[in-house]
Amino acid sequence: MASVKVGSAMDEVIKQSEAIENDYVKKWKEGGGKVLGYACVTTPPEIIDAAGMLPYRIRALGNPNTEIADSHLARFNCSFCRSCLQLGLEGTYDFLDGLIETNGCDHLRGMFENWQYVHPIDFFTYVKVPHQVNDDAMDYYTEELRLFRAGIEEHFGVEITDEALKGAVERQEDIRDKLREVYEMRSGKDPSFTGAEALSIFLLASAVPYEEFMRMVKSAIEERRGTGISGYRARLMLCGAATDELDLVRAIEDVGGLVVTDALCYGARAFWSPVDLSKDPIEALADVYLKDMLCPRMYEDYPRRRDFVLNAVESYDIDGVMVMHNKFCDVHGVDNVQLRLDLEKRDIPVLQLEKEYGSRADIGRIRTRVQAFLERIGDRP
């Protein structure tokens, strides 16, 4: 596969996205800034941003070590959650000034609660998120967001005004716009970014201040505009559970499959829906983070998730779909079976994989499975 030349702008994105505490987080902390960590897409970073703090989405970046975490979470818990817990307990995330827990899944809750019990962080709050969308659920979640806002105000002695919140919503929408632009630049015959590079940009967006991200992503976009990747064997789409493993995506692309889009929570599902800037900001956030959420934790919402994938298959001229979930991830494991069946009914080549998060040996196994999948698909003309 012929790749575009990595230039200085993309080099900087990759460098910063591969560090848990990147240079800009360190600079933010040295300047007296606060950093609040969250993990689930149901947590609006806009509310944290409006308080003058840095919203940071917790990631494990393929960390394979879970030795400490395994004494608190059983081995049949999701290895992504155990990897995040390991980093929290060993002090890697000590730069955080707060943790925001949500009921994304039982494994995620176990991760947060053991983290706070064993290695507590000063500010810890729980945003409760309904599992379905109706008028009562929307009212409930909207009130939860107001309580979340009030909790930050009370603990840190700040005021989150409506004006500040509107400004934060606009900034986060700017970030979403740039991520959508990056994905658009991957939709053509010769995409401008590899899947691993796009994941690096996504990870950077939730780990650095707004101004720094906008500077770096604009530079990367201008650097790649008019360039393209050719010589790949197939255009692939990734679907499934939490996947922030840059090495895994690189391994898929090293054997000739080019990842041109995804339906991942560390990916398109987190930013695809635009925020209605004309609405009350809290209500607008409730719409995006609950009503428009594309996650299998939501009951009776599978048809919308399926249609999102099918639309992407058509829009991105997909040759094959890889449907993955981390071992013991019940919600994605069940959802992925139905998605595989629906894709196969439409004669769309699909590879369903269960993986052990962060396992180097598992990446080798997946490479072999992807090579066989590409042989089945056949090379593009």
Foldseek 3Di string as FASTA:
>chain_A
DFADDDDDLLVVLLQQLQAQCGPQNVVCVVVVAAEEEEAFLLDDCLLVVLQVHAYAHQFLQLQPDQPVLCVQDPPLAFLRLSSSLSCLLVCVPVRHQEYEAEPLDPSSVSSVVVSCVRPNHPYYYYQYADQEDDPVRLVNNLVSVVVVSVSCCVPVVTHRDLVSSLVSLVLVLVLLVLLVVQLVQLQDPFRLDFPLSSLSLLNVSRHHDSVVSVVSSVVSCVVRVPHGHDDAFFEEEEEFEDDSHSVLSVLLPVLRYTHSAYHYSSGCQSRVDRFDSVDRSSSSSSCNSHVSGLFLSHPPCLVVNLVVVVVCCVRRVGLEYEQEYERSPVSSVVSSVVSVVVCVVVVRHYHYYYAHRSDPVRSVVVSVVSNVSSVVSGGDD
